[in-house]
Protein backbone atom coordinates (compact mmCIF):
# COMPACT_ATOMS: atom_id res chain seq x y z
CA UNK A 1 -36.59 26.89 -19.69
CA UNK A 2 -37.30 24.77 -22.76
CA UNK A 3 -34.15 23.26 -24.23
CA UNK A 4 -33.52 21.48 -27.51
CA UNK A 5 -30.63 19.12 -28.16
CA UNK A 6 -28.13 20.13 -30.86
CA UNK A 7 -25.17 17.75 -30.40
CA UNK A 8 -23.69 15.28 -27.92
CA UNK A 9 -20.20 13.90 -27.47
CA UNK A 10 -18.67 11.46 -25.00
CA UNK A 11 -15.35 11.55 -23.17
CA UNK A 12 -12.96 8.62 -22.97
CA UNK A 13 -14.31 7.97 -19.45
CA UNK A 14 -17.86 7.63 -20.80
CA UNK A 15 -19.13 10.99 -19.50
CA UNK A 16 -21.48 12.77 -21.91
CA UNK A 17 -21.76 16.49 -22.71
CA UNK A 18 -24.33 18.09 -24.99
CA UNK A 19 -24.89 21.43 -26.66
CA UNK A 20 -28.46 22.61 -26.14
CA UNK A 21 -30.34 25.70 -27.29
CA UNK A 22 -33.14 27.63 -25.56
CA UNK A 23 -36.16 29.43 -27.08
CA UNK A 24 -34.12 32.61 -27.66
CA UNK A 25 -31.42 30.75 -29.59
CA UNK A 26 -28.81 30.84 -26.79
CA UNK A 27 -26.39 27.93 -26.64
CA UNK A 28 -25.55 26.14 -23.39
CA UNK A 29 -23.62 23.08 -22.36
CA UNK A 30 -25.65 20.34 -20.74
CA UNK A 31 -24.11 17.55 -18.63
CA UNK A 32 -26.67 14.73 -18.15
CA UNK A 33 -26.99 13.59 -14.54
CA UNK A 34 -26.80 9.98 -15.78
CA UNK A 35 -27.96 8.57 -12.45
CA UNK A 36 -28.62 4.94 -11.61
CA UNK A 37 -31.69 6.05 -9.62
CA UNK A 38 -35.26 5.97 -10.88
CA UNK A 39 -36.85 9.41 -11.18
CA UNK A 40 -39.71 8.34 -8.91
CA UNK A 41 -37.46 7.32 -6.01
CA UNK A 42 -37.54 9.59 -2.98
CA UNK A 43 -33.76 9.78 -2.84
CA UNK A 44 -33.79 11.12 -6.42
CA UNK A 45 -35.87 14.10 -5.34
CA UNK A 46 -33.69 14.70 -2.28
CA UNK A 47 -30.57 14.57 -4.44
CA UNK A 48 -32.00 17.16 -6.85
CA UNK A 49 -32.84 19.43 -3.93
CA UNK A 50 -29.29 19.18 -2.56
CA UNK A 51 -27.83 19.77 -6.02
CA UNK A 52 -29.83 22.97 -6.42
CA UNK A 53 -28.47 24.26 -3.13
CA UNK A 54 -24.90 23.63 -4.30
CA UNK A 55 -25.20 25.25 -7.72
CA UNK A 56 -26.78 28.37 -6.26
CA UNK A 57 -23.65 28.84 -4.10
CA UNK A 58 -20.74 28.69 -6.58
CA UNK A 59 -17.13 28.29 -5.51
CA UNK A 60 -14.85 31.30 -5.55
CA UNK A 61 -11.35 30.17 -6.44
CA UNK A 62 -8.63 32.75 -6.95
CA UNK A 63 -6.69 30.59 -9.36
CA UNK A 64 -5.46 30.54 -12.94
CA UNK A 65 -7.16 27.20 -13.59
CA UNK A 66 -10.54 27.50 -15.27
CA UNK A 67 -13.29 26.39 -12.89
CA UNK A 68 -16.65 25.49 -14.44
CA UNK A 69 -19.69 26.31 -12.33
CA UNK A 70 -23.16 24.96 -12.98
CA UNK A 71 -26.06 27.40 -13.23
CA UNK A 72 -28.84 25.01 -12.42
CA UNK A 73 -30.61 21.76 -13.09
CA UNK A 74 -32.70 21.66 -16.24
CA UNK A 75 -34.51 19.09 -18.31
CA UNK A 76 -33.81 18.41 -21.96
CA UNK A 77 -36.31 15.99 -23.44
CA UNK A 78 -36.74 13.31 -20.80
CA UNK A 79 -33.35 13.77 -19.17
CA UNK A 80 -32.25 15.93 -16.26
CA UNK A 81 -28.85 17.56 -16.43
CA UNK A 82 -26.56 20.33 -15.20
CA UNK A 83 -26.47 23.53 -17.22
CA UNK A 84 -23.28 25.49 -17.98
CA UNK A 85 -22.49 28.52 -20.10
CA UNK A 86 -21.28 27.50 -23.52
CA UNK A 87 -17.49 27.29 -23.54
CA UNK A 88 -15.65 26.36 -26.72
CA UNK A 89 -12.61 25.00 -24.86
CA UNK A 90 -14.72 22.71 -22.68
CA UNK A 91 -16.75 21.49 -25.66
CA UNK A 92 -13.76 20.75 -27.88
CA UNK A 93 -11.70 19.23 -25.05
CA UNK A 94 -14.45 16.96 -23.73
CA UNK A 95 -13.68 13.96 -26.01
CA UNK A 96 -10.23 13.78 -24.33
CA UNK A 97 -11.70 13.73 -20.82
CA UNK A 98 -10.43 10.65 -18.97
CA UNK A 99 -8.04 9.57 -21.71
CA UNK A 100 -5.82 6.60 -20.94
CA UNK A 101 -2.43 8.31 -20.67
CA UNK A 102 -1.59 12.01 -20.54
CA UNK A 103 1.87 13.21 -21.70
CA UNK A 104 4.27 14.34 -18.93
CA UNK A 105 4.25 17.99 -20.06
CA UNK A 106 0.46 18.16 -19.69
CA UNK A 107 0.65 16.38 -16.33
CA UNK A 108 3.05 19.09 -15.15
CA UNK A 109 0.67 21.81 -16.36
CA UNK A 110 -2.21 20.13 -14.52
CA UNK A 111 -0.16 19.82 -11.33
CA UNK A 112 0.71 23.51 -11.55
CA UNK A 113 -2.96 24.44 -11.83
CA UNK A 114 -4.14 22.26 -8.94
CA UNK A 115 -1.25 23.36 -6.73
CA UNK A 116 -2.34 26.92 -7.46
CA UNK A 117 -5.70 26.12 -5.86
CA UNK A 118 -4.00 24.86 -2.69
CA UNK A 119 -1.60 27.80 -2.53
CA UNK A 120 -4.47 30.26 -3.01
CA UNK A 121 -6.50 28.55 -0.29
CA UNK A 122 -3.65 28.94 2.21
CA UNK A 123 -4.87 28.00 5.68
CA UNK A 124 -8.52 28.02 4.63
CA UNK A 125 -10.39 24.73 4.36
CA UNK A 126 -11.31 23.91 0.78
CA UNK A 127 -15.05 23.36 0.28
CA UNK A 128 -14.57 19.95 -1.33
CA UNK A 129 -12.82 16.71 -0.39
CA UNK A 130 -9.86 15.93 -2.58
CA UNK A 131 -8.96 16.04 -6.25
CA UNK A 132 -10.23 13.48 -8.76
CA UNK A 133 -9.37 12.87 -12.43
CA UNK A 134 -13.06 12.72 -13.36
CA UNK A 135 -13.41 16.43 -12.52
CA UNK A 136 -10.71 17.48 -14.98
CA UNK A 137 -10.95 18.30 -18.67
CA UNK A 138 -7.96 19.02 -20.96
CA UNK A 139 -8.60 22.26 -22.85
CA UNK A 140 -5.65 22.03 -25.24
CA UNK A 141 -2.28 23.82 -25.31
CA UNK A 142 -1.46 22.53 -21.82
CA UNK A 143 -4.54 24.14 -20.26
CA UNK A 144 -6.96 22.34 -17.97
CA UNK A 145 -10.40 23.01 -16.57
CA UNK A 146 -12.04 21.62 -13.45
CA UNK A 147 -15.73 20.88 -13.02
CA UNK A 148 -17.23 21.88 -9.66
CA UNK A 149 -15.79 19.09 -7.43
CA UNK A 150 -18.59 19.43 -4.88
CA UNK A 151 -21.22 18.55 -7.47
CA UNK A 152 -19.19 15.71 -8.95
CA UNK A 153 -18.62 14.13 -5.52
CA UNK A 154 -22.29 14.42 -4.60
CA UNK A 155 -23.33 12.64 -7.80
CA UNK A 156 -20.59 9.97 -7.78
CA UNK A 157 -22.36 7.34 -5.59
CA UNK A 158 -25.37 7.42 -7.93
CA UNK A 159 -23.41 7.09 -11.17
CA UNK A 160 -22.03 3.91 -12.69
CA UNK A 161 -18.45 3.38 -11.46
CA UNK A 162 -18.70 6.36 -9.14
CA UNK A 163 -17.98 4.27 -6.05
CA UNK A 164 -14.28 4.30 -6.96
CA UNK A 165 -14.16 8.02 -6.23
CA UNK A 166 -13.88 7.16 -2.53
CA UNK A 167 -10.43 5.73 -3.23
CA UNK A 168 -9.13 9.23 -3.99
CA UNK A 169 -8.60 9.85 -0.30
CA UNK A 170 -5.48 10.17 1.85
CA UNK A 171 -4.56 7.23 4.14
CA UNK A 172 -4.84 9.37 7.26
CA UNK A 173 -8.38 10.40 6.25
CA UNK A 174 -9.30 6.75 5.64
CA UNK A 175 -8.00 6.13 9.16
CA UNK A 176 -10.32 8.78 10.60
CA UNK A 177 -8.10 11.87 10.34
CA UNK A 178 -8.95 15.37 9.11
CA UNK A 179 -8.54 16.92 5.68
CA UNK A 180 -5.35 18.98 5.64
CA UNK A 181 -3.15 20.39 2.90
CA UNK A 182 -1.12 17.18 3.07
CA UNK A 183 -4.27 15.11 2.49
CA UNK A 184 -5.18 17.20 -0.56
CA UNK A 185 -1.65 16.76 -1.86
CA UNK A 186 -2.03 12.99 -1.59
CA UNK A 187 -5.19 13.09 -3.73
CA UNK A 188 -3.28 15.30 -6.15
CA UNK A 189 -0.64 12.58 -6.34
CA UNK A 190 -3.31 9.93 -7.00
CA UNK A 191 -4.83 12.10 -9.73
CA UNK A 192 -1.49 12.74 -11.44
CA UNK A 193 -0.61 9.05 -11.22
CA UNK A 194 -3.92 7.99 -12.78
CA UNK A 195 -3.78 10.51 -15.62
CA UNK A 196 -0.04 10.08 -16.21
CA UNK A 197 -0.03 6.27 -16.29
CA UNK A 198 -3.61 5.29 -17.01
CA UNK A 199 -3.66 3.22 -13.82
CA UNK A 200 -4.47 3.58 -10.13
CA UNK A 201 -1.35 2.97 -7.99
CA UNK A 202 -3.11 0.37 -5.82
CA UNK A 203 -5.12 -2.74 -6.78
CA UNK A 204 -8.70 -1.94 -7.71
CA UNK A 205 -10.19 -5.21 -6.52
CA UNK A 206 -12.46 -5.49 -3.52
CA UNK A 207 -12.89 -2.29 -1.56
CA UNK A 208 -11.24 -3.85 1.50
CA UNK A 209 -8.19 -4.87 -0.53
CA UNK A 210 -7.79 -1.40 -2.05
CA UNK A 211 -8.15 0.53 1.19
CA UNK A 212 -5.89 -1.88 3.07
CA UNK A 213 -3.19 -1.45 0.42
CA UNK A 214 -3.47 2.34 0.70
CA UNK A 215 -3.08 2.13 4.48
CA UNK A 216 -0.19 -0.36 4.46
CA UNK A 217 1.82 0.30 1.31
CA UNK A 218 3.82 3.06 -0.32
CA UNK A 219 2.70 3.85 -3.86
CA UNK A 220 4.96 2.40 -6.56
CA UNK A 221 7.21 4.48 -8.79
CA UNK A 222 4.93 5.71 -11.63
CA UNK A 223 7.64 4.87 -14.15
CA UNK A 224 6.90 1.17 -13.72
CA UNK A 225 3.46 1.86 -15.21
CA UNK A 226 4.58 4.59 -17.63
CA UNK A 227 8.34 4.55 -18.39
CA UNK A 228 8.14 7.82 -20.37
CA UNK A 229 7.76 9.86 -17.17
CA UNK A 230 11.00 11.65 -16.29
CA UNK A 231 12.91 11.16 -13.05
CA UNK A 232 12.11 14.56 -11.51
CA UNK A 233 8.39 14.41 -12.30
CA UNK A 234 8.28 10.86 -10.92
CA UNK A 235 10.05 12.01 -7.74
CA UNK A 236 7.42 14.72 -7.20
CA UNK A 237 4.59 12.22 -7.65
CA UNK A 238 6.23 9.75 -5.25
CA UNK A 239 6.64 12.44 -2.58
CA UNK A 240 3.00 13.46 -2.93
CA UNK A 241 2.02 9.82 -2.41
CA UNK A 242 4.03 9.22 0.75
CA UNK A 243 1.92 7.25 3.21
CA UNK A 244 3.16 9.39 6.10
CA UNK A 245 1.74 12.94 5.69
CA UNK A 246 4.80 14.38 7.46
CA UNK A 247 6.95 13.17 4.55
CA UNK A 248 4.94 14.98 1.88
CA UNK A 249 6.13 18.41 0.69
CA UNK A 250 3.92 21.45 1.18
CA UNK A 251 2.16 22.96 -1.83
CA UNK A 252 4.68 25.78 -2.35
CA UNK A 253 7.70 23.46 -2.18
CA UNK A 254 6.04 21.10 -4.61
CA UNK A 255 5.26 23.95 -7.01
CA UNK A 256 8.89 25.11 -6.85
CA UNK A 257 10.20 21.59 -7.57
CA UNK A 258 7.78 21.28 -10.47
CA UNK A 259 8.87 24.62 -11.95
CA UNK A 260 12.50 23.51 -11.69
CA UNK A 261 11.76 20.27 -13.54
CA UNK A 262 9.93 22.19 -16.28
CA UNK A 263 12.81 24.66 -16.67
CA UNK A 264 15.38 21.85 -16.83
CA UNK A 265 13.35 19.99 -19.44
CA UNK A 266 13.42 16.72 -17.45
CA UNK A 267 9.71 15.93 -17.48
CA UNK A 268 10.22 13.07 -19.92
CA UNK A 269 12.56 10.12 -19.48
CA UNK A 270 15.56 9.54 -21.69
CA UNK A 271 15.39 6.43 -23.90
CA UNK A 272 17.81 4.60 -21.58
CA UNK A 273 15.78 5.49 -18.47
CA UNK A 274 12.54 4.40 -20.11
CA UNK A 275 14.07 1.10 -21.25
CA UNK A 276 15.38 0.37 -17.73
CA UNK A 277 12.01 0.84 -16.02
CA UNK A 278 10.20 -1.06 -18.74
CA UNK A 279 12.58 -3.98 -18.24
CA UNK A 280 12.18 -3.99 -14.43
CA UNK A 281 8.44 -3.33 -14.28
CA UNK A 282 7.19 -6.91 -14.42
CA UNK A 283 9.49 -8.15 -11.65
CA UNK A 284 8.70 -5.19 -9.37
CA UNK A 285 4.95 -5.60 -9.82
CA UNK A 286 5.17 -9.35 -9.24
CA UNK A 287 7.04 -8.79 -5.96
CA UNK A 288 4.42 -6.30 -4.76
CA UNK A 289 1.67 -8.78 -5.64
CA UNK A 290 3.40 -11.56 -3.70
CA UNK A 291 3.74 -9.36 -0.61
CA UNK A 292 0.07 -8.49 -0.84
CA UNK A 293 -0.92 -12.14 -1.27
CA UNK A 294 1.17 -13.12 1.74
CA UNK A 295 -0.56 -10.48 3.86
CA UNK A 296 -4.05 -11.72 2.95
CA UNK A 297 -3.04 -15.35 3.32
CA UNK A 298 -1.85 -14.52 6.81
CA UNK A 299 -5.18 -12.87 7.58
CA UNK A 300 -6.89 -16.06 6.52
CA UNK A 301 -4.76 -18.54 8.48
CA UNK A 302 -3.55 -16.61 11.52
CA UNK A 303 -6.40 -17.91 13.69
CA UNK A 304 -6.08 -21.49 12.41
CA UNK A 305 -2.39 -21.09 13.20
CA UNK A 306 -3.14 -20.15 16.81
CA UNK A 307 -5.36 -23.21 17.09
CA UNK A 308 -2.64 -25.36 15.56
CA UNK A 309 -0.12 -24.07 18.10
CA UNK A 310 -2.44 -25.05 20.94
CA UNK A 311 -3.07 -28.45 19.39
CA UNK A 312 0.63 -28.98 18.82
CA UNK A 313 1.37 -28.16 22.44
CA UNK A 314 -1.20 -30.72 23.53
CA UNK A 315 0.23 -33.25 21.08
CA UNK A 316 3.75 -32.74 22.36
CA UNK A 317 2.64 -33.27 25.93
CA UNK A 318 0.79 -36.44 25.00
CA UNK A 319 3.51 -37.78 22.74
CA UNK A 320 6.52 -37.13 24.96
CA UNK A 321 6.56 -40.79 25.93
CA UNK A 322 7.61 -41.66 22.36
CA UNK A 323 10.78 -39.55 22.55
CA UNK A 324 13.94 -41.51 23.37
CA UNK A 325 16.11 -39.50 25.75
CA UNK A 326 19.73 -39.14 24.75
CA UNK A 327 21.29 -37.87 27.98
CA UNK A 328 22.63 -40.50 30.36
CA UNK A 329 24.61 -40.30 33.58
CA UNK A 330 27.80 -40.62 31.53
CA UNK A 331 26.98 -37.80 29.06
CA UNK A 332 29.52 -34.97 29.58
CA UNK A 333 28.20 -31.43 30.09
CA UNK A 334 29.59 -30.13 26.78
CA UNK A 335 27.57 -32.76 24.89
CA UNK A 336 24.47 -31.72 26.82
CA UNK A 337 24.98 -28.14 25.61
CA UNK A 338 25.59 -29.34 22.03
CA UNK A 339 22.38 -31.39 22.17
CA UNK A 340 20.44 -28.27 23.16
CA UNK A 341 21.68 -26.26 20.17
CA UNK A 342 21.13 -29.16 17.79
CA UNK A 343 17.48 -29.27 18.90
CA UNK A 344 17.23 -25.52 18.37
CA UNK A 345 18.69 -25.74 14.87
CA UNK A 346 16.26 -28.50 13.89
CA UNK A 347 13.25 -26.88 15.64
CA UNK A 348 12.88 -30.09 17.65
CA UNK A 349 11.17 -28.99 20.85
CA UNK A 350 11.51 -32.39 22.56
CA UNK A 351 15.26 -32.56 22.01
CA UNK A 352 15.58 -28.89 22.96
CA UNK A 353 13.81 -29.43 26.28
CA UNK A 354 15.68 -32.56 27.36
CA UNK A 355 18.91 -30.74 28.39
CA UNK A 356 16.96 -28.01 30.23
CA UNK A 357 16.14 -28.11 33.91
CA UNK A 358 12.50 -27.48 34.75
CA UNK A 359 11.48 -23.85 34.09
CA UNK A 360 14.73 -22.93 32.29
CA UNK A 361 14.91 -21.58 28.72
CA UNK A 362 11.23 -20.74 28.29
CA UNK A 363 12.14 -18.18 25.61
CA UNK A 364 13.63 -20.93 23.46
CA UNK A 365 11.02 -23.63 24.07
CA UNK A 366 8.13 -21.26 23.29
CA UNK A 367 9.90 -19.92 20.21
CA UNK A 368 10.63 -23.37 18.79
CA UNK A 369 7.06 -24.62 19.36
CA UNK A 370 5.55 -21.65 17.51
CA UNK A 371 8.15 -21.61 14.73
CA UNK A 372 7.69 -25.29 14.01
CA UNK A 373 3.96 -24.84 13.38
CA UNK A 374 4.46 -21.56 11.49
CA UNK A 375 6.92 -23.27 9.18
CA UNK A 376 4.54 -26.13 8.45
CA UNK A 377 1.64 -23.77 7.76
CA UNK A 378 3.66 -21.46 5.48
CA UNK A 379 5.07 -24.46 3.67
CA UNK A 380 1.55 -25.76 3.05
CA UNK A 381 0.03 -22.41 2.03
CA UNK A 382 2.94 -20.95 0.06
CA UNK A 383 4.84 -24.02 -1.13
CA UNK A 384 7.84 -22.36 0.49
CA UNK A 385 11.20 -23.52 -0.83
CA UNK A 386 13.53 -21.02 0.85
CA UNK A 387 15.03 -21.72 4.33
CA UNK A 388 12.70 -20.71 7.15
CA UNK A 389 15.03 -20.93 10.15
CA UNK A 390 18.80 -21.30 10.32
CA UNK A 391 21.38 -21.44 13.12
CA UNK A 392 24.88 -20.72 11.84
CA UNK A 393 28.43 -20.09 13.06
CA UNK A 394 27.87 -21.80 16.40
CA UNK A 395 30.85 -21.80 18.77
CA UNK A 396 30.77 -23.16 22.32
CA UNK A 397 33.61 -22.16 24.62
CA UNK A 398 34.41 -23.03 28.19
CA UNK A 399 33.82 -20.01 30.42
CA UNK A 400 36.81 -18.38 32.10
CA UNK A 401 35.32 -19.14 35.54
CA UNK A 402 34.70 -22.81 34.66
CA UNK A 403 34.12 -25.09 37.65
CA UNK A 404 33.98 -28.87 37.10
CA UNK A 405 31.29 -29.10 39.77
CA UNK A 406 29.17 -26.39 38.10
CA UNK A 407 30.32 -26.22 34.44
CA UNK A 408 29.78 -22.94 32.60
CA UNK A 409 29.90 -22.31 28.85
CA UNK A 410 29.60 -19.35 26.49
CA UNK A 411 27.95 -19.88 23.11
CA UNK A 412 27.84 -17.46 20.18
CA UNK A 413 25.90 -17.96 16.97
CA UNK A 414 23.76 -16.33 14.29
CA UNK A 415 20.01 -16.93 13.93
CA UNK A 416 18.16 -16.27 10.69
CA UNK A 417 14.35 -16.30 10.86
CA UNK A 418 11.93 -15.66 7.99
CA UNK A 419 9.23 -13.06 8.74
CA UNK A 420 7.01 -12.22 5.77
CA UNK A 421 9.38 -11.65 2.86
CA UNK A 422 12.34 -10.63 5.04
CA UNK A 423 14.90 -12.44 7.15
CA UNK A 424 15.47 -11.28 10.72
CA UNK A 425 19.16 -11.91 11.40
CA UNK A 426 20.40 -11.90 15.00
CA UNK A 427 23.88 -12.24 16.42
CA UNK A 428 23.39 -13.84 19.85
CA UNK A 429 25.50 -14.82 22.83
CA UNK A 430 24.39 -17.22 25.56
CA UNK A 431 25.80 -18.13 28.96
CA UNK A 432 24.89 -21.63 30.15
CA UNK A 433 25.34 -23.05 33.66
CA UNK A 434 24.95 -26.80 34.29
CA UNK A 435 24.34 -28.83 37.44
CA UNK A 436 23.66 -32.47 38.21
CA UNK A 437 20.00 -33.45 38.44
CA UNK A 438 19.34 -37.11 39.31
CA UNK A 439 22.93 -37.90 38.29
CA UNK A 440 22.51 -36.25 34.85
CA UNK A 441 23.85 -32.91 33.72
CA UNK A 442 21.13 -30.33 33.05
CA UNK A 443 21.21 -26.67 32.03
CA UNK A 444 20.02 -24.88 35.16
CA UNK A 445 20.64 -21.35 33.98
CA UNK A 446 20.48 -19.89 30.47
CA UNK A 447 21.12 -16.19 29.87
CA UNK A 448 20.72 -15.11 26.25
CA UNK A 449 21.52 -11.71 24.73
CA UNK A 450 20.87 -10.35 21.23
CA UNK A 451 23.99 -8.43 20.19
CA UNK A 452 22.79 -7.19 16.80
CA UNK A 453 19.61 -7.50 14.75
CA UNK A 454 18.88 -6.51 11.17
CA UNK A 455 16.37 -7.28 8.45
CA UNK A 456 17.38 -8.31 4.95
CA UNK A 457 15.23 -9.22 1.91
CA UNK A 458 14.62 -12.94 1.50
CA UNK A 459 14.85 -14.51 -1.96
CA UNK A 460 11.60 -15.53 -3.60
CA UNK A 461 10.85 -19.16 -4.39
CA UNK A 462 11.79 -18.47 -8.03
CA UNK A 463 15.08 -16.85 -7.03
CA UNK A 464 15.84 -19.70 -4.64
CA UNK A 465 15.23 -22.18 -7.44
CA UNK A 466 17.62 -20.31 -9.70
CA UNK A 467 20.32 -20.27 -7.04
CA UNK A 468 19.93 -23.99 -6.43
CA UNK A 469 20.06 -24.79 -10.15
CA UNK A 470 23.23 -22.74 -10.55
């Protein structure tokens, strides 16, 4: 077939589409392959062969959404491309392909069309892997068309920027799982988020950073990137993007929720809602960035930290001779107990160990040694200004079965330990038994119990500075 070029236009995403005419005067649409490969490369020929196999076996979707199938691979001038029947809607809508932000009403219409594909498929496996915004073209009046996803995915690695298509994958698939309806729904959520906000919900930096964020994090509320999105539409998108596939709705439930939002007219945010999310967006994004930075910092220094712990242990053993013991033969047992908890509060392993008989309280001595190094490392890497470890509300009472020859005490207190960007808060109760060792009182038995434990958000360095200045 000999083709002549009539006109070309480019979408917002840079994809080109041309109108071409054959010898008989028939018009076609022509999508240039636009590959980064040289025509003489062997892989180029293999790719063309695989493409021809795909286009000769078109998809059969029973869906209201317009699906555009390619008829073959042709050459126009010096360029190879995919040939389609001429379609006025596709031609006129192409300049809007990949536009920065799509209005909520059109996002809802797109979601309805793509959900229709999943509902129609039922239990059958779809012949392509996930939805992608680059396959979609707005046709006007709330209508959308989809280019054959199989072809687009095959070409993506050989097109400029096509490597990012791999990010439109569900976390469980990244982790080696199978494609299920829930996985397709996740890619639907990614597609709606990208078209509705103009942004990908996770950082598009290095591939490792992006995929790690997808595996570890929940997607943010889309309203922080586009405040005009209404609450119900945002809720649907957030559910689709749940990291745990069991928490995502099925396609029919999602379609029903979407229809309800359309009928209620709540696709767009009220002015007050939009203003609220716009005001909070910067702080929320900054917090997510800090959490991500902390995670990668930890990846960098966790092994140096292990080495530091070992070195510190060696240092403590070698430097013990420089520690001046505080317990004498005249030190009463209650003061011995108080000395122990003072060492714990100050993360002073030498002071902590002095009241303990040999082999007693290993839980505490190991904890203090590690925490001391962790604190120093985090302080150096993060310029940490918030408290790292606190012992509060300490009370030491004489036990009911107190014996002057073998004194026994009960201690209750609250520990607060910083882990990541959260505090672990524990209510603890200890029972301590003391005996004379070489004429000095030592703790010979230490039973410790955690009564309650909870996690609470820790203030950031900026918030801590504000509190201190107030």
